[in-house]
């Protein structure tokens, strides 16, 4: 039944999702995701969901308290066509501003706002 399916526990991923797709934190408030064939959409650009992940990783790397995110708002500006996608975050008192650029072209791809859970 439907209720039994949701009450069953499942195994966790063998590794974090970010690591699985090659997204790495490169410093305080920065993260990078290389463009790979299995991360691209039908337009041969980086899938937008993966852009959200690089935003999240940068915001988490920027928060000195290390709180998990409560919300994430993305404004897509243009596609990441060449890569890697590089996110730079500034987080103060739980509020974050994040920019993602297609680093090979220097083009702004995403503007994002994040909010962390209270400490």
C-alpha atoms as a PDB file:
ATOM      1  CA  UNK A   1       0.000   0.000   0.000  1.00  0.00           C
ATOM      2  CA  UNK A   2       0.953   3.642  -0.315  1.00  0.00           C
ATOM      3  CA  UNK A   3       1.454   4.104   3.449  1.00  0.00           C
ATOM      4  CA  UNK A   4       3.774   1.109   3.753  1.00  0.00           C
ATOM      5  CA  UNK A   5       5.951   2.335   0.905  1.00  0.00           C
ATOM      6  CA  UNK A   6       6.651   5.634   2.666  1.00  0.00           C
ATOM      7  CA  UNK A   7       7.272   4.055   6.062  1.00  0.00           C
ATOM      8  CA  UNK A   8      10.110   1.876   4.797  1.00  0.00           C
ATOM      9  CA  UNK A   9      13.643   3.093   5.287  1.00  0.00           C
ATOM     10  CA  UNK A  10      16.060   3.110   2.398  1.00  0.00           C
ATOM     11  CA  UNK A  11      19.798   3.062   2.218  1.00  0.00           C
ATOM     12  CA  UNK A  12      21.665   6.330   2.040  1.00  0.00           C
ATOM     13  CA  UNK A  13      23.767   7.290  -0.937  1.00  0.00           C
ATOM     14  CA  UNK A  14      27.274   5.851  -0.872  1.00  0.00           C
ATOM     15  CA  UNK A  15      28.667   9.389  -1.212  1.00  0.00           C
ATOM     16  CA  UNK A  16      27.233  12.914  -1.051  1.00  0.00           C
ATOM     17  CA  UNK A  17      25.374  13.932  -4.182  1.00  0.00           C
ATOM     18  CA  UNK A  18      27.678  16.916  -4.784  1.00  0.00           C
ATOM     19  CA  UNK A  19      30.749  14.669  -4.784  1.00  0.00           C
ATOM     20  CA  UNK A  20      29.008  12.177  -7.026  1.00  0.00           C
ATOM     21  CA  UNK A  21      28.583  14.745  -9.819  1.00  0.00           C
ATOM     22  CA  UNK A  22      31.974  16.413  -9.329  1.00  0.00           C
ATOM     23  CA  UNK A  23      30.906  19.562  -7.468  1.00  0.00           C
ATOM     24  CA  UNK A  24      33.655  20.684  -5.088  1.00  0.00           C
ATOM     25  CA  UNK A  25      34.031  23.459  -2.553  1.00  0.00           C
ATOM     26  CA  UNK A  26      37.129  25.348  -3.623  1.00  0.00           C
ATOM     27  CA  UNK A  27      37.467  27.751  -0.691  1.00  0.00           C
ATOM     28  CA  UNK A  28      35.526  29.909   1.729  1.00  0.00           C
ATOM     29  CA  UNK A  29      32.269  30.669  -0.067  1.00  0.00           C
ATOM     30  CA  UNK A  30      33.220  29.150  -3.403  1.00  0.00           C
ATOM     31  CA  UNK A  31      32.244  25.993  -5.254  1.00  0.00           C
ATOM     32  CA  UNK A  32      32.834  24.697  -8.763  1.00  0.00           C
ATOM     33  CA  UNK A  33      31.062  22.244 -11.036  1.00  0.00           C
ATOM     34  CA  UNK A  34      32.716  21.147 -14.288  1.00  0.00           C
ATOM     35  CA  UNK A  35      30.601  20.703 -17.390  1.00  0.00           C
ATOM     36  CA  UNK A  36      30.180  16.992 -18.139  1.00  0.00           C
ATOM     37  CA  UNK A  37      28.077  15.218 -20.745  1.00  0.00           C
ATOM     38  CA  UNK A  38      25.894  13.467 -18.177  1.00  0.00           C
ATOM     39  CA  UNK A  39      25.050  16.802 -16.490  1.00  0.00           C
ATOM     40  CA  UNK A  40      23.800  18.507 -19.637  1.00  0.00           C
ATOM     41  CA  UNK A  41      20.247  19.011 -20.861  1.00  0.00           C
ATOM     42  CA  UNK A  42      18.852  18.752 -24.399  1.00  0.00           C
ATOM     43  CA  UNK A  43      20.275  22.201 -25.235  1.00  0.00           C
ATOM     44  CA  UNK A  44      23.810  21.002 -24.424  1.00  0.00           C
ATOM     45  CA  UNK A  45      24.014  23.326 -21.425  1.00  0.00           C
ATOM     46  CA  UNK A  46      24.407  22.544 -17.729  1.00  0.00           C
ATOM     47  CA  UNK A  47      21.091  21.382 -16.249  1.00  0.00           C
ATOM     48  CA  UNK A  48      19.554  24.075 -14.018  1.00  0.00           C
ATOM     49  CA  UNK A  49      19.110  21.707 -11.084  1.00  0.00           C
ATOM     50  CA  UNK A  50      22.857  21.243 -10.917  1.00  0.00           C
ATOM     51  CA  UNK A  51      23.270  25.018 -10.807  1.00  0.00           C
ATOM     52  CA  UNK A  52      21.150  24.983  -7.646  1.00  0.00           C
ATOM     53  CA  UNK A  53      23.539  22.434  -6.161  1.00  0.00           C
ATOM     54  CA  UNK A  54      26.639  24.543  -6.840  1.00  0.00           C
ATOM     55  CA  UNK A  55      24.831  27.530  -5.250  1.00  0.00           C
ATOM     56  CA  UNK A  56      24.055  25.444  -2.164  1.00  0.00           C
ATOM     57  CA  UNK A  57      27.633  24.213  -1.841  1.00  0.00           C
ATOM     58  CA  UNK A  58      29.046  27.749  -2.077  1.00  0.00           C
ATOM     59  CA  UNK A  59      26.557  29.076   0.498  1.00  0.00           C
ATOM     60  CA  UNK A  60      27.376  26.258   2.898  1.00  0.00           C
ATOM     61  CA  UNK A  61      31.092  26.921   2.440  1.00  0.00           C
ATOM     62  CA  UNK A  62      30.567  30.625   3.204  1.00  0.00           C
ATOM     63  CA  UNK A  63      28.634  30.226   6.465  1.00  0.00           C
ATOM     64  CA  UNK A  64      31.083  30.323   9.393  1.00  0.00           C
ATOM     65  CA  UNK A  65      28.463  28.720  11.666  1.00  0.00           C
ATOM     66  CA  UNK A  66      27.852  25.824   9.255  1.00  0.00           C
ATOM     67  CA  UNK A  67      24.057  25.882   9.340  1.00  0.00           C
ATOM     68  CA  UNK A  68      21.983  23.960   6.781  1.00  0.00           C
ATOM     69  CA  UNK A  69      19.970  25.966   4.261  1.00  0.00           C
ATOM     70  CA  UNK A  70      16.307  26.643   4.870  1.00  0.00           C
ATOM     71  CA  UNK A  71      15.511  28.242   1.516  1.00  0.00           C
ATOM     72  CA  UNK A  72      17.084  28.932  -1.837  1.00  0.00           C
ATOM     73  CA  UNK A  73      15.868  31.305  -4.560  1.00  0.00           C
ATOM     74  CA  UNK A  74      17.437  31.241  -8.021  1.00  0.00           C
ATOM     75  CA  UNK A  75      17.249  33.759 -10.844  1.00  0.00           C
ATOM     76  CA  UNK A  76      18.533  32.187 -14.020  1.00  0.00           C
ATOM     77  CA  UNK A  77      20.264  34.770 -16.211  1.00  0.00           C
ATOM     78  CA  UNK A  78      21.852  32.627 -18.931  1.00  0.00           C
ATOM     79  CA  UNK A  79      22.955  29.078 -19.543  1.00  0.00           C
ATOM     80  CA  UNK A  80      26.328  27.589 -18.632  1.00  0.00           C
ATOM     81  CA  UNK A  81      27.582  26.448 -22.031  1.00  0.00           C
ATOM     82  CA  UNK A  82      31.328  25.979 -21.540  1.00  0.00           C
ATOM     83  CA  UNK A  83      31.953  25.671 -17.809  1.00  0.00           C
ATOM     84  CA  UNK A  84      32.956  25.118 -15.239  1.00  0.00           C
ATOM     85  CA  UNK A  85      30.153  26.755 -13.274  1.00  0.00           C
ATOM     86  CA  UNK A  86      31.779  28.710 -10.451  1.00  0.00           C
ATOM     87  CA  UNK A  87      29.685  29.961  -7.518  1.00  0.00           C
ATOM     88  CA  UNK A  88      30.809  32.667  -5.106  1.00  0.00           C
ATOM     89  CA  UNK A  89      28.760  33.261  -1.958  1.00  0.00           C
ATOM     90  CA  UNK A  90      28.672  35.963   0.678  1.00  0.00           C
ATOM     91  CA  UNK A  91      26.752  34.890   3.807  1.00  0.00           C
ATOM     92  CA  UNK A  92      26.068  37.202   6.736  1.00  0.00           C
ATOM     93  CA  UNK A  93      23.793  36.375   9.673  1.00  0.00           C
ATOM     94  CA  UNK A  94      22.284  33.473   7.752  1.00  0.00           C
ATOM     95  CA  UNK A  95      21.427  35.399   4.574  1.00  0.00           C
ATOM     96  CA  UNK A  96      23.449  34.662   1.489  1.00  0.00           C
ATOM     97  CA  UNK A  97      23.981  36.233  -1.903  1.00  0.00           C
ATOM     98  CA  UNK A  98      25.442  33.893  -4.499  1.00  0.00           C
ATOM     99  CA  UNK A  99      26.579  34.483  -8.068  1.00  0.00           C
ATOM    100  CA  UNK A 100      27.310  31.677 -10.521  1.00  0.00           C
ATOM    101  CA  UNK A 101      29.414  32.335 -13.607  1.00  0.00           C
ATOM    102  CA  UNK A 102      30.267  30.285 -16.654  1.00  0.00           C
ATOM    103  CA  UNK A 103      33.948  30.761 -15.910  1.00  0.00           C
ATOM    104  CA  UNK A 104      35.278  30.062 -19.408  1.00  0.00           C
ATOM    105  CA  UNK A 105      33.130  32.856 -20.840  1.00  0.00           C
ATOM    106  CA  UNK A 106      33.000  35.070 -17.737  1.00  0.00           C
ATOM    107  CA  UNK A 107      29.223  35.175 -18.139  1.00  0.00           C
ATOM    108  CA  UNK A 108      26.845  35.548 -15.208  1.00  0.00           C
ATOM    109  CA  UNK A 109      24.522  32.530 -15.176  1.00  0.00           C
ATOM    110  CA  UNK A 110      22.626  32.683 -11.853  1.00  0.00           C
ATOM    111  CA  UNK A 111      21.879  35.163  -9.091  1.00  0.00           C
ATOM    112  CA  UNK A 112      20.719  33.429  -5.930  1.00  0.00           C
ATOM    113  CA  UNK A 113      19.596  34.236  -2.410  1.00  0.00           C
ATOM    114  CA  UNK A 114      19.872  31.726   0.417  1.00  0.00           C
ATOM    115  CA  UNK A 115      18.651  31.634   3.994  1.00  0.00           C
ATOM    116  CA  UNK A 116      20.084  29.342   6.645  1.00  0.00           C
ATOM    117  CA  UNK A 117      18.273  27.718   9.523  1.00  0.00           C
ATOM    118  CA  UNK A 118      18.657  29.572  12.831  1.00  0.00           C
ATOM    119  CA  UNK A 119      21.706  28.522  14.855  1.00  0.00           C
END
